[in-house]
Structure formats: C-alpha cells, structure tokens
Amino acid sequence: MILVVGTFQVDPARLSAARPAMAAMIAASRDEAGCLGYGYAEDVLEPGLIHVTERWTDRAALDAHVATAHLAAWRAQWAVLGLHSRDLAIYHVAKIEDF
C-alpha cells in the first residue's frame, strides 16, 4: 500500500470558496481504481491548514491519479483559492496492524 500524507495551506479568507473545490477533488479521487481512501481535514487549531491523507493500492494507482483531469483542474484553482505551502510525502507501507 502507498500512503500520501501531508498538509497544505489555504488562505483562511478563501476557505469557504475552497471547500466545494476540495469536495469535488475528494469525490473524484475516491472513485478512481486503486484508491483505498482520500481525505482532507481542516486543522482545529490553525485556520487554513488542511491535512491530507491518501491511501492507494500501489504506486501505479498513485501515478494514474497524478495524471487525471480532475487533479489538473484542482491544481489550476490553487492560485485563485490561495492554496500554498503544499508539503506531502509518499510512504510505502509493508505491514499494517490494528491499533
């Protein structure tokens, strides 16, 4: 399994405008083959900080995601929405256990 975990910032003044775009990105991504989970969560303490968690079956599924039209459309909206400071990392998970 592949995890993508990290954060990005949205200008707090534009957060209301960004929510529908984020929801569209999440919904389209969740419909992709190989997507096991995809979500954005607003930080409770820091306005505009968005936590990203993605789970993919393998690197091929993640690579296909990166090439999608909905990801290109999402990226095209970043400047208008005030999205910045994107910091994501890819983790290759070898073992999973319940906590």
Protein backbone atom coordinates (compact mmCIF):
# COMPACT_ATOMS: atom_id res chain seq x y z
CA MET A 1 0.00 0.00 0.00
CA ILE A 2 1.05 3.58 -0.66
CA LEU A 3 0.19 6.44 1.71
CA VAL A 4 0.38 10.11 0.80
CA VAL A 5 0.34 12.24 3.94
CA GLY A 6 0.94 15.91 4.49
CA THR A 7 -0.55 19.36 4.55
CA PHE A 8 -1.29 22.44 2.51
CA GLN A 9 -2.43 25.92 3.46
CA VAL A 10 -5.47 27.75 2.15
CA ASP A 11 -5.89 31.46 2.73
CA PRO A 12 -8.42 31.43 5.63
CA ALA A 13 -10.39 34.21 3.94
CA ARG A 14 -10.92 31.90 0.94
CA LEU A 15 -11.60 28.69 2.84
CA SER A 16 -15.36 28.81 2.19
CA ALA A 17 -14.72 29.16 -1.53
CA ALA A 18 -12.16 26.32 -1.43
CA ARG A 19 -14.43 23.77 0.25
CA PRO A 20 -16.51 22.89 -2.87
CA ALA A 21 -13.33 22.50 -4.95
CA MET A 22 -11.81 20.28 -2.26
CA ALA A 23 -15.01 18.21 -2.05
CA ALA A 24 -15.01 17.71 -5.83
CA MET A 25 -11.38 16.61 -5.75
CA ILE A 26 -12.03 14.16 -2.93
CA ALA A 27 -15.12 12.65 -4.60
CA ALA A 28 -13.40 12.20 -7.97
CA SER A 29 -10.30 10.69 -6.37
CA ARG A 30 -12.30 8.24 -4.28
CA ASP A 31 -13.89 6.95 -7.49
CA GLU A 32 -10.52 6.07 -9.01
CA ALA A 33 -9.34 2.49 -9.38
CA GLY A 34 -6.81 1.72 -6.67
CA CYS A 35 -7.95 4.43 -4.27
CA LEU A 36 -8.45 2.97 -0.79
CA GLY A 37 -9.08 6.31 0.91
CA TYR A 38 -8.73 10.01 0.18
CA GLY A 39 -9.45 12.88 2.52
CA TYR A 40 -8.73 16.45 3.55
CA ALA A 41 -9.27 17.64 7.12
CA GLU A 42 -9.16 21.17 8.47
CA ASP A 43 -6.83 21.67 11.42
CA VAL A 44 -8.70 22.55 14.62
CA LEU A 45 -6.07 24.99 15.88
CA GLU A 46 -4.62 26.57 12.73
CA PRO A 47 -7.11 28.22 10.33
CA GLY A 48 -6.48 27.30 6.72
CA LEU A 49 -4.20 24.34 7.47
CA ILE A 50 -5.50 21.27 5.61
CA HIS A 51 -4.28 17.77 6.44
CA VAL A 52 -4.11 15.33 3.51
CA THR A 53 -4.40 11.55 3.79
CA GLU A 54 -4.47 9.32 0.72
CA ARG A 55 -4.28 5.51 0.55
CA TRP A 56 -3.52 3.74 -2.73
CA THR A 57 -3.18 0.06 -3.58
CA ASP A 58 0.18 0.62 -5.27
CA ARG A 59 2.42 3.15 -6.98
CA ALA A 60 0.79 2.52 -10.37
CA ALA A 61 -2.58 3.63 -8.96
CA LEU A 62 -0.99 6.75 -7.48
CA ASP A 63 0.76 7.51 -10.78
CA ALA A 64 -2.55 7.16 -12.62
CA HIS A 65 -4.13 9.57 -10.09
CA VAL A 66 -1.44 12.17 -10.77
CA ALA A 67 -2.32 12.05 -14.49
CA THR A 68 -6.09 12.59 -14.04
CA ALA A 69 -8.02 15.56 -15.43
CA HIS A 70 -9.59 16.28 -12.05
CA LEU A 71 -6.15 16.65 -10.44
CA ALA A 72 -5.10 19.05 -13.21
CA ALA A 73 -8.31 21.04 -12.69
CA TRP A 74 -7.70 21.13 -8.92
CA ARG A 75 -4.14 22.38 -9.40
CA ALA A 76 -5.36 25.06 -11.82
CA GLN A 77 -7.52 26.50 -8.99
CA TRP A 78 -4.73 26.77 -6.39
CA ALA A 79 -3.76 30.40 -7.03
CA VAL A 80 -7.38 31.60 -7.07
CA LEU A 81 -8.11 29.73 -3.82
CA GLY A 82 -4.96 30.94 -2.11
CA LEU A 83 -3.52 27.46 -1.74
CA HIS A 84 0.16 27.38 -0.79
CA SER A 85 2.82 25.64 1.30
CA ARG A 86 1.99 22.17 0.00
CA ASP A 87 4.06 19.57 1.88
CA LEU A 88 3.26 15.95 1.00
CA ALA A 89 5.27 12.74 1.38
CA ILE A 90 4.82 9.27 -0.09
CA TYR A 91 5.12 6.29 2.27
CA HIS A 92 5.48 2.69 1.07
CA VAL A 93 3.75 0.55 3.67
CA ALA A 94 4.98 -3.00 4.12
CA LYS A 95 2.91 -4.02 7.13
CA ILE A 96 -0.35 -2.82 8.68
CA GLU A 97 -1.66 -3.74 12.12
CA ASP A 98 -4.66 -2.57 14.12
CA PHE A 99 -4.01 -0.07 16.86
